Amino acid sequence: ITLMTRFGMDVVLAHPPGYDLVDDTVAPARRFAAASGGSFAVTDSMEAAFAGADVVYPKSWAPVAVMHERTRILRAGERDKLKDLERDALATNAQHKSWECNEAMMAGTKGGAAHYLHCLPADVSDVSCAAGEVSQAVFEKARLGTYREASHKPFIVAALILLTRFAEPEELLTRWA
């Protein structure tokens, strides 16, 4: 989200109620959106986020509290507690099965034809799991493009690091050329 807001895009980030966001990501996104002329909004409605969207990037969520607890468990060497945490997290996620990117959700995008993006692996309903983050039909329409996109992931990560760590990335790249 920080990269998209840095370049003047209008970004809507949706997450289920109770799935708090990491402020270290949200705060820069807000600053970048304000500085670039874009916008950044957060909602707990997937329908609102998809409404009129040009691009959608649906991804499974885990509550921040789960991530903090996982870190605590690992640091404390209490690996036996990981299975309980995973069970509880899956139970929480089961309450949000309606958060699937499916044909009905895609119909609400701009012209019903938003570009589906995903960094993979994706939880594809009836393929890799019973109920996932994207329906088989939506994923299949975007499969080849999504696989091509994922093959560029190392370069995208490198670009994100460059763009978020240096004030003038263009100047830095020019000096290296």
C-alpha atoms as a PDB file:
ATOM      1  CA  ILE A   1       0.000   0.000   0.000  1.00  0.00           C
ATOM      2  CA  THR A   2       2.830   2.400   0.655  1.00  0.00           C
ATOM      3  CA  LEU A   3       4.087   2.150  -2.916  1.00  0.00           C
ATOM      4  CA  MET A   4       0.655   2.677  -4.475  1.00  0.00           C
ATOM      5  CA  THR A   5      -0.069   5.722  -2.328  1.00  0.00           C
ATOM      6  CA  ARG A   6       3.369   7.167  -3.063  1.00  0.00           C
ATOM      7  CA  PHE A   7       2.487   7.469  -6.751  1.00  0.00           C
ATOM      8  CA  GLY A   8      -0.879   9.194  -6.486  1.00  0.00           C
ATOM      9  CA  MET A   9      -3.149   6.184  -6.628  1.00  0.00           C
ATOM     10  CA  ASP A  10      -6.482   6.043  -4.862  1.00  0.00           C
ATOM     11  CA  VAL A  11      -6.177   3.085  -2.517  1.00  0.00           C
ATOM     12  CA  VAL A  12      -8.865   1.494  -0.367  1.00  0.00           C
ATOM     13  CA  LEU A  13      -7.656  -1.115   2.095  1.00  0.00           C
ATOM     14  CA  ALA A  14     -10.332  -3.435   3.450  1.00  0.00           C
ATOM     15  CA  HIS A  15     -10.032  -5.866   6.329  1.00  0.00           C
ATOM     16  CA  PRO A  16     -12.536  -7.748   8.446  1.00  0.00           C
ATOM     17  CA  PRO A  17     -13.662  -6.097  11.690  1.00  0.00           C
ATOM     18  CA  GLY A  18     -11.207  -6.835  14.483  1.00  0.00           C
ATOM     19  CA  TYR A  19      -8.247  -7.391  12.165  1.00  0.00           C
ATOM     20  CA  ASP A  20      -6.171  -4.417  13.224  1.00  0.00           C
ATOM     21  CA  LEU A  21      -3.623  -3.016  10.814  1.00  0.00           C
ATOM     22  CA  VAL A  22       0.080  -2.428  11.367  1.00  0.00           C
ATOM     23  CA  ASP A  23       0.515   1.306  11.923  1.00  0.00           C
ATOM     24  CA  ASP A  24       4.070   1.166  10.529  1.00  0.00           C
ATOM     25  CA  THR A  25       2.434   0.488   7.150  1.00  0.00           C
ATOM     26  CA  VAL A  26      -0.709   2.590   7.419  1.00  0.00           C
ATOM     27  CA  ALA A  27       0.945   5.823   8.621  1.00  0.00           C
ATOM     28  CA  PRO A  28       3.363   6.088   5.662  1.00  0.00           C
ATOM     29  CA  ALA A  29       0.540   5.205   3.261  1.00  0.00           C
ATOM     30  CA  ARG A  30      -1.499   8.116   4.594  1.00  0.00           C
ATOM     31  CA  ARG A  31       1.479  10.495   4.277  1.00  0.00           C
ATOM     32  CA  PHE A  32       2.342   9.342   0.760  1.00  0.00           C
ATOM     33  CA  ALA A  33      -1.266   9.637  -0.417  1.00  0.00           C
ATOM     34  CA  ALA A  34      -1.524  13.187   0.913  1.00  0.00           C
ATOM     35  CA  ALA A  35       1.799  14.204  -0.653  1.00  0.00           C
ATOM     36  CA  SER A  36       1.152  12.570  -4.041  1.00  0.00           C
ATOM     37  CA  GLY A  37      -2.397  13.744  -4.619  1.00  0.00           C
ATOM     38  CA  GLY A  38      -3.826  10.254  -4.239  1.00  0.00           C
ATOM     39  CA  SER A  39      -6.052   9.013  -1.474  1.00  0.00           C
ATOM     40  CA  PHE A  40      -5.950   6.309   1.129  1.00  0.00           C
ATOM     41  CA  ALA A  41      -8.933   4.918   2.996  1.00  0.00           C
ATOM     42  CA  VAL A  42      -9.463   1.970   5.303  1.00  0.00           C
ATOM     43  CA  THR A  43     -12.753   0.116   5.577  1.00  0.00           C
ATOM     44  CA  ASP A  44     -14.094  -3.083   7.072  1.00  0.00           C
ATOM     45  CA  SER A  45     -16.260  -3.642   3.992  1.00  0.00           C
ATOM     46  CA  MET A  46     -14.860  -5.666   1.116  1.00  0.00           C
ATOM     47  CA  GLU A  47     -17.765  -4.489  -1.053  1.00  0.00           C
ATOM     48  CA  ALA A  48     -16.792  -0.851  -0.438  1.00  0.00           C
ATOM     49  CA  ALA A  49     -13.180  -1.554  -1.363  1.00  0.00           C
ATOM     50  CA  PHE A  50     -14.181  -3.295  -4.605  1.00  0.00           C
ATOM     51  CA  ALA A  51     -16.732  -0.635  -5.625  1.00  0.00           C
ATOM     52  CA  GLY A  52     -15.447   0.963  -8.811  1.00  0.00           C
ATOM     53  CA  ALA A  53     -11.925  -0.433  -8.367  1.00  0.00           C
ATOM     54  CA  ASP A  54      -9.564  -0.673 -11.340  1.00  0.00           C
ATOM     55  CA  VAL A  55      -7.354  -3.204  -9.562  1.00  0.00           C
ATOM     56  CA  VAL A  56      -8.034  -5.596  -6.689  1.00  0.00           C
ATOM     57  CA  TYR A  57      -5.447  -7.382  -4.602  1.00  0.00           C
ATOM     58  CA  PRO A  58      -7.325  -9.607  -2.164  1.00  0.00           C
ATOM     59  CA  LYS A  59      -5.157 -11.441   0.337  1.00  0.00           C
ATOM     60  CA  SER A  60      -5.902 -13.569   3.370  1.00  0.00           C
ATOM     61  CA  TRP A  61      -5.581 -11.814   6.681  1.00  0.00           C
ATOM     62  CA  ALA A  62      -4.397 -12.686  10.127  1.00  0.00           C
ATOM     63  CA  PRO A  63      -5.159 -10.374  13.036  1.00  0.00           C
ATOM     64  CA  VAL A  64      -2.141  -8.394  14.231  1.00  0.00           C
ATOM     65  CA  ALA A  65      -2.727  -9.816  17.704  1.00  0.00           C
ATOM     66  CA  VAL A  66      -2.105 -13.300  16.287  1.00  0.00           C
ATOM     67  CA  MET A  67       1.165 -12.183  14.728  1.00  0.00           C
ATOM     68  CA  HIS A  68       2.279 -10.616  18.021  1.00  0.00           C
ATOM     69  CA  GLU A  69       1.348 -13.742  19.947  1.00  0.00           C
ATOM     70  CA  ARG A  70       3.161 -15.946  17.433  1.00  0.00           C
ATOM     71  CA  THR A  71       6.292 -13.834  17.855  1.00  0.00           C
ATOM     72  CA  ARG A  72       5.991 -14.038  21.637  1.00  0.00           C
ATOM     73  CA  ILE A  73       5.556 -17.821  21.529  1.00  0.00           C
ATOM     74  CA  LEU A  74       8.575 -18.292  19.269  1.00  0.00           C
ATOM     75  CA  ARG A  75      10.775 -16.014  21.354  1.00  0.00           C
ATOM     76  CA  ALA A  76       9.726 -17.839  24.508  1.00  0.00           C
ATOM     77  CA  GLY A  77      10.518 -21.189  22.898  1.00  0.00           C
ATOM     78  CA  GLU A  78       6.955 -22.383  23.481  1.00  0.00           C
ATOM     79  CA  ARG A  79       6.567 -24.072  20.095  1.00  0.00           C
ATOM     80  CA  ASP A  80       3.966 -26.474  21.505  1.00  0.00           C
ATOM     81  CA  LYS A  81       1.570 -23.505  21.755  1.00  0.00           C
ATOM     82  CA  LEU A  82       1.777 -22.749  18.016  1.00  0.00           C
ATOM     83  CA  LYS A  83      -0.806 -25.401  17.120  1.00  0.00           C
ATOM     84  CA  ASP A  84      -3.299 -23.885  19.559  1.00  0.00           C
ATOM     85  CA  LEU A  85      -2.683 -20.424  18.146  1.00  0.00           C
ATOM     86  CA  GLU A  86      -3.120 -21.684  14.586  1.00  0.00           C
ATOM     87  CA  ARG A  87      -6.351 -23.470  15.536  1.00  0.00           C
ATOM     88  CA  ASP A  88      -7.718 -20.287  17.113  1.00  0.00           C
ATOM     89  CA  ALA A  89      -6.654 -18.166  14.126  1.00  0.00           C
ATOM     90  CA  LEU A  90      -8.327 -20.554  11.688  1.00  0.00           C
ATOM     91  CA  ALA A  91     -11.506 -20.411  13.770  1.00  0.00           C
ATOM     92  CA  THR A  92     -11.428 -16.616  13.581  1.00  0.00           C
ATOM     93  CA  ASN A  93     -10.827 -16.715   9.829  1.00  0.00           C
ATOM     94  CA  ALA A  94     -13.755 -19.119   9.417  1.00  0.00           C
ATOM     95  CA  GLN A  95     -16.026 -16.279  10.560  1.00  0.00           C
ATOM     96  CA  HIS A  96     -15.070 -14.327   7.420  1.00  0.00           C
ATOM     97  CA  LYS A  97     -15.644 -16.791   4.601  1.00  0.00           C
ATOM     98  CA  SER A  98     -17.713 -14.119   2.853  1.00  0.00           C
ATOM     99  CA  TRP A  99     -14.433 -12.276   2.174  1.00  0.00           C
ATOM    100  CA  GLU A 100     -13.797 -14.310  -0.961  1.00  0.00           C
ATOM    101  CA  CYS A 101     -12.896 -12.514  -4.191  1.00  0.00           C
ATOM    102  CA  ASN A 102     -15.559 -14.047  -6.416  1.00  0.00           C
ATOM    103  CA  GLU A 103     -17.547 -13.192  -9.521  1.00  0.00           C
ATOM    104  CA  ALA A 104     -20.106 -11.181  -7.553  1.00  0.00           C
ATOM    105  CA  MET A 105     -17.381  -9.066  -5.924  1.00  0.00           C
ATOM    106  CA  MET A 106     -15.626  -8.538  -9.263  1.00  0.00           C
ATOM    107  CA  ALA A 107     -18.926  -7.407 -10.810  1.00  0.00           C
ATOM    108  CA  GLY A 108     -18.844  -4.392  -8.463  1.00  0.00           C
ATOM    109  CA  THR A 109     -15.494  -3.197  -9.793  1.00  0.00           C
ATOM    110  CA  LYS A 110     -15.087  -0.558 -12.517  1.00  0.00           C
ATOM    111  CA  GLY A 111     -16.982  -1.943 -15.495  1.00  0.00           C
ATOM    112  CA  GLY A 112     -16.957  -5.320 -13.742  1.00  0.00           C
ATOM    113  CA  ALA A 113     -13.469  -5.805 -15.134  1.00  0.00           C
ATOM    114  CA  ALA A 114     -10.890  -4.924 -12.478  1.00  0.00           C
ATOM    115  CA  HIS A 115      -7.477  -6.474 -12.826  1.00  0.00           C
ATOM    116  CA  TYR A 116      -6.933  -9.195 -10.200  1.00  0.00           C
ATOM    117  CA  LEU A 117      -3.439  -9.165  -8.675  1.00  0.00           C
ATOM    118  CA  HIS A 118      -1.887 -11.563  -6.200  1.00  0.00           C
ATOM    119  CA  CYS A 119       1.668 -12.313  -5.077  1.00  0.00           C
ATOM    120  CA  LEU A 120       0.955 -16.040  -4.704  1.00  0.00           C
ATOM    121  CA  PRO A 121       0.462 -18.498  -3.283  1.00  0.00           C
ATOM    122  CA  ALA A 122      -3.272 -17.906  -3.244  1.00  0.00           C
ATOM    123  CA  ASP A 123      -5.877 -19.833  -1.304  1.00  0.00           C
ATOM    124  CA  VAL A 124      -8.123 -20.775  -4.239  1.00  0.00           C
ATOM    125  CA  SER A 125     -11.551 -22.127  -3.287  1.00  0.00           C
ATOM    126  CA  ASP A 126     -12.118 -25.730  -4.350  1.00  0.00           C
ATOM    127  CA  VAL A 127      -8.512 -25.992  -5.617  1.00  0.00           C
ATOM    128  CA  SER A 128      -6.023 -25.502  -2.792  1.00  0.00           C
ATOM    129  CA  CYS A 129      -8.658 -25.372  -0.034  1.00  0.00           C
ATOM    130  CA  ALA A 130     -12.397 -25.714   0.499  1.00  0.00           C
ATOM    131  CA  ALA A 131     -13.048 -21.992   1.049  1.00  0.00           C
ATOM    132  CA  GLY A 132     -10.295 -19.551   0.158  1.00  0.00           C
ATOM    133  CA  GLU A 133      -9.565 -15.936  -0.568  1.00  0.00           C
ATOM    134  CA  VAL A 134     -10.402 -16.183  -4.293  1.00  0.00           C
ATOM    135  CA  SER A 135     -12.871 -18.283  -6.241  1.00  0.00           C
ATOM    136  CA  GLN A 136     -11.626 -20.765  -8.789  1.00  0.00           C
ATOM    137  CA  ALA A 137     -13.377 -18.867 -11.608  1.00  0.00           C
ATOM    138  CA  VAL A 138     -11.792 -15.499 -10.770  1.00  0.00           C
ATOM    139  CA  PHE A 139      -8.364 -17.036 -10.280  1.00  0.00           C
ATOM    140  CA  GLU A 140      -8.569 -19.009 -13.520  1.00  0.00           C
ATOM    141  CA  LYS A 141      -9.332 -15.857 -15.539  1.00  0.00           C
ATOM    142  CA  ALA A 142      -6.201 -14.215 -14.118  1.00  0.00           C
ATOM    143  CA  ARG A 143      -4.030 -17.315 -13.738  1.00  0.00           C
ATOM    144  CA  LEU A 144      -1.437 -16.751 -16.465  1.00  0.00           C
ATOM    145  CA  GLY A 145      -1.048 -13.048 -15.700  1.00  0.00           C
ATOM    146  CA  THR A 146      -0.858 -13.795 -11.992  1.00  0.00           C
ATOM    147  CA  TYR A 147       1.876 -16.385 -12.530  1.00  0.00           C
ATOM    148  CA  ARG A 148       3.823 -13.900 -14.684  1.00  0.00           C
ATOM    149  CA  GLU A 149       3.336 -11.266 -12.008  1.00  0.00           C
ATOM    150  CA  ALA A 150       4.565 -13.620  -9.292  1.00  0.00           C
ATOM    151  CA  SER A 151       7.697 -14.455 -11.283  1.00  0.00           C
ATOM    152  CA  HIS A 152       8.710 -10.810 -10.907  1.00  0.00           C
ATOM    153  CA  LYS A 153       8.229 -10.829  -7.134  1.00  0.00           C
ATOM    154  CA  PRO A 154      11.948 -10.634  -6.214  1.00  0.00           C
ATOM    155  CA  PHE A 155      12.359  -7.549  -8.403  1.00  0.00           C
ATOM    156  CA  ILE A 156       9.205  -5.975  -6.989  1.00  0.00           C
ATOM    157  CA  VAL A 157      10.401  -6.528  -3.441  1.00  0.00           C
ATOM    158  CA  ALA A 158      13.756  -4.954  -4.321  1.00  0.00           C
ATOM    159  CA  ALA A 159      11.974  -1.977  -5.893  1.00  0.00           C
ATOM    160  CA  LEU A 160       9.744  -1.570  -2.834  1.00  0.00           C
ATOM    161  CA  ILE A 161      12.778  -1.533  -0.580  1.00  0.00           C
ATOM    162  CA  LEU A 162      14.478   1.058  -2.772  1.00  0.00           C
ATOM    163  CA  LEU A 163      11.391   3.262  -3.067  1.00  0.00           C
ATOM    164  CA  THR A 164      10.554   3.222   0.624  1.00  0.00           C
ATOM    165  CA  ARG A 165      14.089   3.559   2.024  1.00  0.00           C
ATOM    166  CA  PHE A 166      15.524   6.358  -0.105  1.00  0.00           C
ATOM    167  CA  ALA A 167      14.105   9.861  -0.475  1.00  0.00           C
ATOM    168  CA  GLU A 168      15.278  10.263  -4.095  1.00  0.00           C
ATOM    169  CA  PRO A 169      15.432   6.783  -5.677  1.00  0.00           C
ATOM    170  CA  GLU A 170      15.711   8.183  -9.212  1.00  0.00           C
ATOM    171  CA  GLU A 171      18.846  10.142  -8.258  1.00  0.00           C
ATOM    172  CA  LEU A 172      20.332   7.067  -6.603  1.00  0.00           C
ATOM    173  CA  LEU A 173      19.728   4.909  -9.682  1.00  0.00           C
ATOM    174  CA  THR A 174      21.175   7.579 -11.979  1.00  0.00           C
ATOM    175  CA  ARG A 175      24.382   7.636  -9.923  1.00  0.00           C
ATOM    176  CA  TRP A 176      24.659   3.841 -10.229  1.00  0.00           C
ATOM    177  CA  ALA A 177      24.087   3.796 -14.000  1.00  0.00           C
END
